[in-house]
């Protein structure tokens, strides 16, 4: 057994790193969060954007898959017709 470990220690360490890496990729919340942020900023996620009036009535609803950007005062995104939409005020962005 000692000879096997001496001859294959590099291979065994590589297998151990691969197993640990796969565990982290599938079970780690931080990785899933990072992956979701990456997808959100590169290709966009399926989302619903709802804009409300001051009295709480729905003004407009968009179902989008584009990237949403924010500047602190509001957000902007592209709709399905490739038109630029900028909103501010009371809004909710919900992932589908």
Protein backbone atom coordinates (compact mmCIF):
# COMPACT_ATOMS: atom_id res chain seq x y z
CA UNK A 1 0.00 0.00 0.00
CA UNK A 2 2.85 2.39 0.82
CA UNK A 3 4.39 1.82 -2.62
CA UNK A 4 1.07 2.57 -4.31
CA UNK A 5 0.73 5.86 -2.38
CA UNK A 6 4.33 6.86 -3.15
CA UNK A 7 3.93 6.15 -6.87
CA UNK A 8 0.48 7.77 -7.29
CA UNK A 9 0.43 10.63 -4.77
CA UNK A 10 0.07 13.28 -7.48
CA UNK A 11 -2.86 11.48 -9.05
CA UNK A 12 -4.57 11.01 -5.69
CA UNK A 13 -4.17 14.68 -4.80
CA UNK A 14 -5.58 15.67 -8.20
CA UNK A 15 -8.60 13.44 -7.67
CA UNK A 16 -9.11 14.93 -4.22
CA UNK A 17 -9.02 18.48 -5.63
CA UNK A 18 -11.49 17.54 -8.36
CA UNK A 19 -13.89 16.02 -5.84
CA UNK A 20 -13.63 19.07 -3.58
CA UNK A 21 -14.12 21.38 -6.56
CA UNK A 22 -17.21 19.54 -7.72
CA UNK A 23 -18.63 19.66 -4.22
CA UNK A 24 -18.08 23.41 -4.04
CA UNK A 25 -19.60 23.96 -7.48
CA UNK A 26 -22.79 22.12 -6.65
CA UNK A 27 -23.34 22.75 -2.93
CA UNK A 28 -21.80 26.11 -2.13
CA UNK A 29 -24.32 28.97 -1.90
CA UNK A 30 -21.61 31.53 -2.55
CA UNK A 31 -20.77 29.85 -5.86
CA UNK A 32 -24.43 29.66 -6.87
CA UNK A 33 -24.86 33.32 -5.99
CA UNK A 34 -21.78 34.26 -8.01
CA UNK A 35 -22.97 32.20 -10.97
CA UNK A 36 -26.41 33.85 -10.81
CA UNK A 37 -24.82 37.33 -10.71
CA UNK A 38 -22.62 36.43 -13.70
CA UNK A 39 -25.61 35.21 -15.70
CA UNK A 40 -27.58 38.29 -14.69
CA UNK A 41 -24.90 40.70 -15.89
CA UNK A 42 -23.96 38.89 -19.11
CA UNK A 43 -27.10 37.40 -20.64
CA UNK A 44 -29.88 38.47 -18.31
CA UNK A 45 -32.43 36.46 -16.37
CA UNK A 46 -36.17 35.99 -16.90
CA UNK A 47 -37.70 38.79 -14.88
CA UNK A 48 -40.90 40.74 -14.41
CA UNK A 49 -40.59 44.49 -13.83
CA UNK A 50 -43.64 46.21 -12.34
CA UNK A 51 -43.86 50.00 -12.10
CA UNK A 52 -46.29 51.42 -9.52
CA UNK A 53 -47.92 54.84 -9.13
CA UNK A 54 -47.72 56.83 -5.91
CA UNK A 55 -51.07 55.38 -4.75
CA UNK A 56 -49.98 51.77 -5.41
CA UNK A 57 -51.68 51.11 -8.74
CA UNK A 58 -49.78 49.22 -11.41
CA UNK A 59 -48.75 51.56 -14.22
CA UNK A 60 -46.87 49.13 -16.46
CA UNK A 61 -45.52 45.57 -16.39
CA UNK A 62 -42.65 44.20 -18.49
CA UNK A 63 -41.54 40.59 -18.89
CA UNK A 64 -37.90 40.73 -19.94
CA UNK A 65 -34.77 38.63 -20.27
CA UNK A 66 -32.31 41.47 -20.77
CA UNK A 67 -29.70 42.79 -18.39
CA UNK A 68 -31.00 45.34 -15.87
CA UNK A 69 -28.68 48.16 -14.86
CA UNK A 70 -29.11 50.60 -12.01
CA UNK A 71 -27.69 54.01 -11.20
CA UNK A 72 -29.27 54.41 -7.75
CA UNK A 73 -32.15 56.64 -8.90
CA UNK A 74 -33.75 54.11 -11.23
CA UNK A 75 -33.11 51.22 -13.57
CA UNK A 76 -32.87 50.74 -17.31
CA UNK A 77 -33.25 47.72 -19.58
CA UNK A 78 -34.16 46.68 -23.12
CA UNK A 79 -37.63 45.30 -23.80
CA UNK A 80 -38.54 42.54 -26.29
CA UNK A 81 -38.80 45.08 -29.13
CA UNK A 82 -35.18 46.17 -28.49
CA UNK A 83 -36.34 49.51 -27.08
CA UNK A 84 -34.49 51.17 -24.21
CA UNK A 85 -36.66 51.61 -21.09
CA UNK A 86 -35.61 53.77 -18.13
CA UNK A 87 -37.80 53.93 -15.03
CA UNK A 88 -37.62 55.46 -11.58
CA UNK A 89 -40.01 55.67 -8.68
CA UNK A 90 -41.62 52.66 -7.08
CA UNK A 91 -40.91 49.44 -8.93
CA UNK A 92 -40.42 45.75 -8.22
CA UNK A 93 -38.10 43.47 -10.18
CA UNK A 94 -38.94 39.81 -9.66
CA UNK A 95 -37.13 36.81 -11.09
CA UNK A 96 -39.41 34.22 -12.66
